[in-house]
Each structure stands twice: as structure tokens, then as C-alpha cells.
């Protein structure tokens, strides 16, 4: 995965020791407002990644709605992209470039556990 999604928003998968200490020394509690902001951002990321090559109308509509939301510079609506970036401590332009990158990997669903694999694992134990 090209980025990690955490309480702090988008971040690199590898972190420096100073960042690791900061991450562990803060409270894990998330305010409802921050949780909603993260959920809105996460949904836009998911729609941009999953629906990029959608063939159906619904998927295409979801992609273009997320795309329009990311490229807009609206500061009046509290949950606009630029306002959420500010609230989450993200720089707008780098986040925008990363989300709209044409080589952004498509998020694949997690594979379902195979019933046959359980038998193999039981034998190994």
C-alpha cells in the first residue's frame, strides 16, 4: 500500500523513531467530529481507488463525485476537502496530488479464507 491511514490521516508506511514516540505518547481517543472527518476522507480515497475504472454508471458517478470534491477549493463548506485537510493536519496540494495520481494502486478486497487452508493449518499445529 502506498500510504497508511490512521487517526492522523494519510501517512507513510515507514516512520521515524521520533514519530513513533509521538504516536505512542498521545491519547487514542478520537472526537466524533474528527472521526467523521476521517470517515469522509476515507470514503473519498476508497471511491477514487475502487471506482477509477468503473464501467457502471453508479461507480463512475462515485468516482467523479470524489474527484470533484478533491479538486474543489471550496472553503465555505465545513467538510470540503481543503477544510478537512486543514483539520487533519494534511497539506492540501501534496494530499491532492497523491489522491489523484494516475498510478494510485487499486485497492483490492481482502481474500476470503479458504476452507481447505484451515485443514492444512490444523495439520501444521
N, C-alpha and C. Protein backbone atom coordinates (compact mmCIF):
# COMPACT_ATOMS: atom_id res chain seq x y z
N UNK A 1 0.85 -1.17 0.00
CA UNK A 1 0.00 0.00 0.00
C UNK A 1 0.89 1.23 0.00
N UNK A 2 0.54 2.25 -0.70
CA UNK A 2 1.39 3.42 -0.87
C UNK A 2 1.23 4.42 0.25
N UNK A 3 0.24 4.27 1.10
CA UNK A 3 0.08 5.17 2.23
C UNK A 3 -0.58 4.40 3.35
N UNK A 4 -0.47 4.92 4.54
CA UNK A 4 -1.17 4.35 5.68
C UNK A 4 -2.27 5.29 6.09
N UNK A 5 -3.37 4.76 6.60
CA UNK A 5 -4.46 5.61 7.04
C UNK A 5 -4.63 5.40 8.53
N UNK A 6 -4.48 6.45 9.28
CA UNK A 6 -4.56 6.35 10.73
C UNK A 6 -5.36 7.51 11.27
N UNK A 7 -5.34 7.68 12.59
CA UNK A 7 -6.03 8.80 13.20
C UNK A 7 -5.48 10.12 12.70
N UNK A 8 -4.27 10.12 12.23
CA UNK A 8 -3.63 11.34 11.75
C UNK A 8 -3.85 11.57 10.26
N UNK A 9 -4.59 10.72 9.59
CA UNK A 9 -4.83 10.88 8.16
C UNK A 9 -3.86 10.07 7.34
N UNK A 10 -3.46 10.61 6.22
CA UNK A 10 -2.51 9.92 5.34
C UNK A 10 -1.12 10.02 5.91
N UNK A 11 -0.40 8.95 5.84
CA UNK A 11 0.97 8.97 6.31
C UNK A 11 1.77 7.87 5.67
N UNK A 12 3.07 7.98 5.69
CA UNK A 12 3.90 6.94 5.07
C UNK A 12 3.85 5.66 5.89
N UNK A 13 4.13 4.54 5.25
CA UNK A 13 4.13 3.27 5.96
C UNK A 13 5.31 3.18 6.93
N UNK A 14 6.44 3.75 6.60
CA UNK A 14 7.60 3.74 7.48
C UNK A 14 7.65 5.06 8.24
N UNK A 15 7.96 4.99 9.53
CA UNK A 15 8.02 6.21 10.32
C UNK A 15 9.37 6.31 11.02
N UNK A 16 9.74 7.53 11.35
CA UNK A 16 10.99 7.77 12.06
C UNK A 16 10.78 7.51 13.55
N UNK A 17 11.85 7.24 14.30
CA UNK A 17 11.72 6.97 15.74
C UNK A 17 11.02 8.09 16.51
N UNK A 18 11.28 9.33 16.14
CA UNK A 18 10.63 10.46 16.81
C UNK A 18 9.12 10.41 16.58
N UNK A 19 8.71 10.07 15.36
CA UNK A 19 7.30 9.96 15.06
C UNK A 19 6.67 8.80 15.82
N UNK A 20 7.42 7.70 15.96
CA UNK A 20 6.92 6.54 16.69
C UNK A 20 6.65 6.91 18.15
N UNK A 21 7.57 7.63 18.77
CA UNK A 21 7.39 8.06 20.15
C UNK A 21 6.17 8.96 20.27
N UNK A 22 6.02 9.90 19.34
CA UNK A 22 4.90 10.82 19.37
C UNK A 22 3.58 10.06 19.22
N UNK A 23 3.58 9.05 18.36
CA UNK A 23 2.38 8.27 18.13
C UNK A 23 1.96 7.52 19.40
N UNK A 24 2.90 6.99 20.15
CA UNK A 24 2.59 6.22 21.35
C UNK A 24 2.30 7.09 22.57
N UNK A 25 2.77 8.33 22.56
CA UNK A 25 2.58 9.16 23.74
C UNK A 25 1.26 9.92 23.73
N UNK A 26 0.56 9.95 22.60
CA UNK A 26 -0.71 10.65 22.52
C UNK A 26 -1.87 9.75 22.90
N UNK A 27 -2.98 10.36 23.22
CA UNK A 27 -4.20 9.63 23.56
C UNK A 27 -4.77 8.97 22.31
N UNK A 28 -5.43 7.83 22.47
CA UNK A 28 -6.04 7.12 21.35
C UNK A 28 -7.46 7.59 21.08
N UNK A 29 -8.02 8.40 21.97
CA UNK A 29 -9.40 8.85 21.82
C UNK A 29 -9.54 9.78 20.62
N UNK A 30 -10.58 9.55 19.84
CA UNK A 30 -10.88 10.39 18.68
C UNK A 30 -12.22 11.05 18.94
N UNK A 31 -12.27 12.35 18.73
CA UNK A 31 -13.54 13.05 18.91
C UNK A 31 -14.50 12.62 17.79
N UNK A 32 -15.80 12.73 18.04
CA UNK A 32 -16.76 12.36 16.99
C UNK A 32 -16.57 13.18 15.70
N UNK A 33 -16.24 14.45 15.86
CA UNK A 33 -16.03 15.30 14.69
C UNK A 33 -14.84 14.83 13.86
N UNK A 34 -13.75 14.50 14.57
CA UNK A 34 -12.55 14.02 13.88
C UNK A 34 -12.81 12.66 13.23
N UNK A 35 -13.57 11.82 13.91
CA UNK A 35 -13.94 10.52 13.34
C UNK A 35 -14.75 10.67 12.07
N UNK A 36 -15.68 11.64 12.06
CA UNK A 36 -16.47 11.90 10.86
C UNK A 36 -15.59 12.44 9.74
N UNK A 37 -14.68 13.34 10.08
CA UNK A 37 -13.76 13.89 9.07
C UNK A 37 -12.92 12.77 8.46
N UNK A 38 -12.42 11.87 9.30
CA UNK A 38 -11.63 10.75 8.79
C UNK A 38 -12.47 9.82 7.92
N UNK A 39 -13.72 9.59 8.32
CA UNK A 39 -14.60 8.72 7.53
C UNK A 39 -14.90 9.33 6.16
N UNK A 40 -15.12 10.63 6.11
CA UNK A 40 -15.37 11.30 4.82
C UNK A 40 -14.15 11.19 3.92
N UNK A 41 -12.98 11.44 4.49
CA UNK A 41 -11.73 11.35 3.72
C UNK A 41 -11.49 9.91 3.25
N UNK A 42 -11.73 8.96 4.14
CA UNK A 42 -11.53 7.55 3.79
C UNK A 42 -12.46 7.12 2.66
N UNK A 43 -13.72 7.57 2.70
CA UNK A 43 -14.66 7.21 1.65
C UNK A 43 -14.24 7.78 0.30
N UNK A 44 -13.75 9.00 0.31
CA UNK A 44 -13.27 9.61 -0.95
C UNK A 44 -12.08 8.83 -1.49
N UNK A 45 -11.17 8.44 -0.62
CA UNK A 45 -10.00 7.66 -1.04
C UNK A 45 -10.44 6.33 -1.63
N UNK A 46 -11.38 5.68 -0.97
CA UNK A 46 -11.90 4.40 -1.43
C UNK A 46 -12.58 4.54 -2.79
N UNK A 47 -13.42 5.57 -2.93
CA UNK A 47 -14.11 5.77 -4.21
C UNK A 47 -13.14 6.08 -5.34
N UNK A 48 -12.12 6.88 -5.06
CA UNK A 48 -11.13 7.19 -6.10
C UNK A 48 -10.34 5.95 -6.51
N UNK A 49 -10.01 5.10 -5.56
CA UNK A 49 -9.23 3.91 -5.87
C UNK A 49 -10.08 2.80 -6.49
N UNK A 50 -11.23 2.53 -5.90
CA UNK A 50 -12.04 1.40 -6.35
C UNK A 50 -12.83 1.67 -7.63
N UNK A 51 -13.24 2.89 -7.83
CA UNK A 51 -14.14 3.20 -8.96
C UNK A 51 -13.43 3.86 -10.13
N UNK A 52 -12.11 3.94 -10.10
CA UNK A 52 -11.37 4.63 -11.17
C UNK A 52 -11.69 4.06 -12.55
N UNK A 53 -11.82 2.77 -12.67
CA UNK A 53 -12.09 2.15 -13.96
C UNK A 53 -13.46 1.50 -14.01
N UNK A 54 -14.40 2.06 -13.26
CA UNK A 54 -15.75 1.50 -13.20
C UNK A 54 -16.42 1.59 -14.56
N UNK A 55 -17.18 0.56 -14.89
CA UNK A 55 -17.91 0.56 -16.16
C UNK A 55 -19.38 0.90 -15.95
N UNK A 56 -19.86 0.70 -14.75
CA UNK A 56 -21.26 1.02 -14.46
C UNK A 56 -21.44 2.49 -14.12
N UNK A 57 -22.66 2.97 -14.31
CA UNK A 57 -22.95 4.38 -14.06
C UNK A 57 -22.75 4.77 -12.59
N UNK A 58 -23.17 3.89 -11.68
CA UNK A 58 -23.05 4.21 -10.26
C UNK A 58 -21.59 4.37 -9.86
N UNK A 59 -20.74 3.45 -10.27
CA UNK A 59 -19.32 3.52 -9.97
C UNK A 59 -18.66 4.75 -10.57
N UNK A 60 -19.04 5.06 -11.81
CA UNK A 60 -18.49 6.25 -12.45
C UNK A 60 -18.93 7.52 -11.72
N UNK A 61 -20.20 7.54 -11.30
CA UNK A 61 -20.70 8.70 -10.56
C UNK A 61 -19.96 8.86 -9.24
N UNK A 62 -19.73 7.76 -8.51
CA UNK A 62 -18.99 7.82 -7.25
C UNK A 62 -17.57 8.35 -7.46
N UNK A 63 -16.92 7.87 -8.52
CA UNK A 63 -15.56 8.33 -8.81
C UNK A 63 -15.54 9.83 -9.09
N UNK A 64 -16.44 10.29 -9.97
CA UNK A 64 -16.40 11.71 -10.36
C UNK A 64 -16.85 12.62 -9.22
N UNK A 65 -17.72 12.15 -8.36
CA UNK A 65 -18.09 12.96 -7.19
C UNK A 65 -16.88 13.11 -6.26
N UNK A 66 -16.16 12.03 -6.02
CA UNK A 66 -14.97 12.10 -5.18
C UNK A 66 -13.90 12.96 -5.84
N UNK A 67 -13.73 12.81 -7.15
CA UNK A 67 -12.75 13.61 -7.89
C UNK A 67 -13.07 15.10 -7.78
N UNK A 68 -14.33 15.46 -8.04
CA UNK A 68 -14.75 16.87 -7.95
C UNK A 68 -14.55 17.41 -6.54
N UNK A 69 -14.80 16.59 -5.53
CA UNK A 69 -14.63 17.02 -4.13
C UNK A 69 -13.16 17.30 -3.84
N UNK A 70 -12.27 16.45 -4.34
CA UNK A 70 -10.83 16.62 -4.09
C UNK A 70 -10.27 17.84 -4.81
N UNK A 71 -10.69 18.11 -6.04
CA UNK A 71 -10.12 19.22 -6.80
C UNK A 71 -10.72 20.58 -6.43
N UNK A 72 -11.86 20.59 -5.74
CA UNK A 72 -12.51 21.85 -5.39
C UNK A 72 -11.71 22.59 -4.31
N UNK A 73 -11.69 23.91 -4.41
CA UNK A 73 -11.02 24.75 -3.43
C UNK A 73 -12.03 25.46 -2.52
N UNK A 74 -13.17 24.85 -2.32
CA UNK A 74 -14.23 25.41 -1.51
C UNK A 74 -13.82 25.49 -0.04
N UNK A 75 -13.92 26.66 0.55
CA UNK A 75 -13.61 26.84 1.98
C UNK A 75 -14.86 27.14 2.79
N UNK A 76 -16.02 27.25 2.13
CA UNK A 76 -17.25 27.60 2.84
C UNK A 76 -17.88 26.38 3.52
N UNK A 77 -17.86 25.24 2.86
CA UNK A 77 -18.47 24.04 3.42
C UNK A 77 -17.51 23.42 4.43
N UNK A 78 -17.95 23.15 5.66
CA UNK A 78 -17.04 22.62 6.69
C UNK A 78 -16.36 21.30 6.31
N UNK A 79 -17.02 20.46 5.51
CA UNK A 79 -16.44 19.18 5.16
C UNK A 79 -15.89 19.16 3.73
N UNK A 80 -15.47 20.32 3.24
CA UNK A 80 -14.80 20.35 1.94
C UNK A 80 -13.41 19.74 2.10
N UNK A 81 -12.82 19.35 0.99
CA UNK A 81 -11.51 18.70 1.02
C UNK A 81 -10.45 19.57 1.68
N UNK A 82 -10.40 20.84 1.29
CA UNK A 82 -9.36 21.72 1.84
C UNK A 82 -9.57 21.94 3.34
N UNK A 83 -10.82 22.04 3.79
CA UNK A 83 -11.07 22.22 5.22
C UNK A 83 -10.73 20.95 6.01
N UNK A 84 -11.04 19.78 5.44
CA UNK A 84 -10.69 18.54 6.14
C UNK A 84 -9.18 18.34 6.19
N UNK A 85 -8.50 18.69 5.12
CA UNK A 85 -7.04 18.61 5.15
C UNK A 85 -6.48 19.48 6.26
N UNK A 86 -6.98 20.71 6.38
CA UNK A 86 -6.53 21.60 7.45
C UNK A 86 -6.83 21.01 8.82
N UNK A 87 -8.04 20.47 8.97
CA UNK A 87 -8.44 19.91 10.26
C UNK A 87 -7.62 18.67 10.63
N UNK A 88 -7.22 17.90 9.63
CA UNK A 88 -6.46 16.68 9.88
C UNK A 88 -4.96 16.91 9.86
N UNK A 89 -4.54 18.14 9.61
CA UNK A 89 -3.12 18.46 9.60
C UNK A 89 -2.41 18.01 8.34
N UNK A 90 -3.14 17.90 7.24
CA UNK A 90 -2.53 17.50 5.96
C UNK A 90 -2.32 18.73 5.09
N UNK A 91 -1.25 18.72 4.32
CA UNK A 91 -1.05 19.78 3.34
C UNK A 91 -1.92 19.47 2.13
N UNK A 92 -2.67 20.45 1.67
CA UNK A 92 -3.68 20.23 0.64
C UNK A 92 -3.09 19.73 -0.67
N UNK A 93 -2.12 20.43 -1.22
CA UNK A 93 -1.61 20.08 -2.55
C UNK A 93 -0.92 18.71 -2.59
N UNK A 94 -0.04 18.38 -1.63
CA UNK A 94 0.54 17.02 -1.67
C UNK A 94 -0.52 15.92 -1.53
N UNK A 95 -1.51 16.14 -0.66
CA UNK A 95 -2.58 15.14 -0.50
C UNK A 95 -3.38 15.02 -1.78
N UNK A 96 -3.68 16.14 -2.40
CA UNK A 96 -4.45 16.15 -3.65
C UNK A 96 -3.68 15.41 -4.75
N UNK A 97 -2.38 15.72 -4.88
CA UNK A 97 -1.57 15.06 -5.91
C UNK A 97 -1.54 13.55 -5.68
N UNK A 98 -1.40 13.15 -4.44
CA UNK A 98 -1.31 11.73 -4.13
C UNK A 98 -2.62 11.01 -4.43
N UNK A 99 -3.74 11.64 -4.09
CA UNK A 99 -5.03 11.00 -4.33
C UNK A 99 -5.39 10.93 -5.81
N UNK A 100 -4.96 11.91 -6.58
CA UNK A 100 -5.31 11.94 -7.99
C UNK A 100 -4.23 11.37 -8.89
N UNK A 101 -3.20 10.79 -8.30
CA UNK A 101 -2.11 10.19 -9.05
C UNK A 101 -2.66 9.07 -9.93
N UNK A 102 -2.39 9.11 -11.25
CA UNK A 102 -2.94 8.09 -12.14
C UNK A 102 -2.39 6.69 -11.88
N UNK A 103 -1.30 6.57 -11.16
CA UNK A 103 -0.77 5.24 -10.87
C UNK A 103 -1.12 4.78 -9.46
N UNK A 104 -2.09 5.47 -8.82
CA UNK A 104 -2.51 5.06 -7.49
C UNK A 104 -3.02 3.62 -7.57
N UNK A 105 -2.53 2.74 -6.71
CA UNK A 105 -2.94 1.34 -6.80
C UNK A 105 -4.42 1.17 -6.50
N UNK A 106 -5.00 0.22 -7.18
CA UNK A 106 -6.40 -0.12 -6.94
C UNK A 106 -6.46 -0.96 -5.67
N UNK A 107 -7.35 -0.58 -4.77
CA UNK A 107 -7.48 -1.31 -3.52
C UNK A 107 -8.27 -2.58 -3.79
N UNK A 108 -7.64 -3.71 -3.55
CA UNK A 108 -8.29 -4.99 -3.78
C UNK A 108 -8.90 -5.49 -2.46
N UNK A 109 -10.07 -6.12 -2.53
CA UNK A 109 -10.65 -6.65 -1.31
C UNK A 109 -9.79 -7.78 -0.75
N UNK A 110 -9.85 -7.92 0.55
CA UNK A 110 -9.07 -8.99 1.19
C UNK A 110 -9.59 -10.34 0.73
N UNK A 111 -8.71 -11.30 0.51
CA UNK A 111 -9.16 -12.62 0.07
C UNK A 111 -9.94 -13.32 1.19
N UNK A 112 -10.90 -14.10 0.78
CA UNK A 112 -11.70 -14.86 1.76
C UNK A 112 -10.88 -16.05 2.23
N UNK A 113 -11.03 -16.39 3.51
CA UNK A 113 -10.30 -17.57 3.99
C UNK A 113 -10.81 -18.82 3.27
N UNK A 114 -9.88 -19.63 2.85
CA UNK A 114 -10.22 -20.85 2.14
C UNK A 114 -10.45 -21.96 3.15
N UNK A 115 -11.56 -22.69 2.99
CA UNK A 115 -11.88 -23.77 3.92
C UNK A 115 -10.80 -24.84 3.89
N UNK A 116 -10.21 -25.10 2.73
CA UNK A 116 -9.16 -26.09 2.61
C UNK A 116 -7.90 -25.69 3.34
N UNK A 117 -7.66 -24.40 3.45
CA UNK A 117 -6.47 -23.90 4.13
C UNK A 117 -6.54 -24.19 5.62
N UNK A 118 -7.74 -24.18 6.20
CA UNK A 118 -7.88 -24.45 7.63
C UNK A 118 -7.40 -25.87 7.96
N UNK A 119 -7.72 -26.82 7.09
CA UNK A 119 -7.28 -28.19 7.31
C UNK A 119 -5.77 -28.29 7.29
N UNK A 120 -5.12 -27.57 6.39
CA UNK A 120 -3.67 -27.57 6.30
C UNK A 120 -3.08 -26.96 7.56
N UNK A 121 -3.67 -25.86 8.03
CA UNK A 121 -3.17 -25.20 9.24
C UNK A 121 -3.34 -26.09 10.47
N UNK A 122 -4.46 -26.86 10.54
CA UNK A 122 -4.68 -27.75 11.68
C UNK A 122 -3.61 -28.84 11.71
N UNK A 123 -3.23 -29.36 10.53
CA UNK A 123 -2.21 -30.40 10.47
C UNK A 123 -0.86 -29.86 10.92
N UNK A 124 -0.60 -28.58 10.61
CA UNK A 124 0.68 -27.99 10.99
C UNK A 124 0.77 -27.78 12.50
N UNK A 125 -0.36 -27.57 13.16
CA UNK A 125 -0.35 -27.34 14.60
C UNK A 125 -0.22 -28.63 15.30
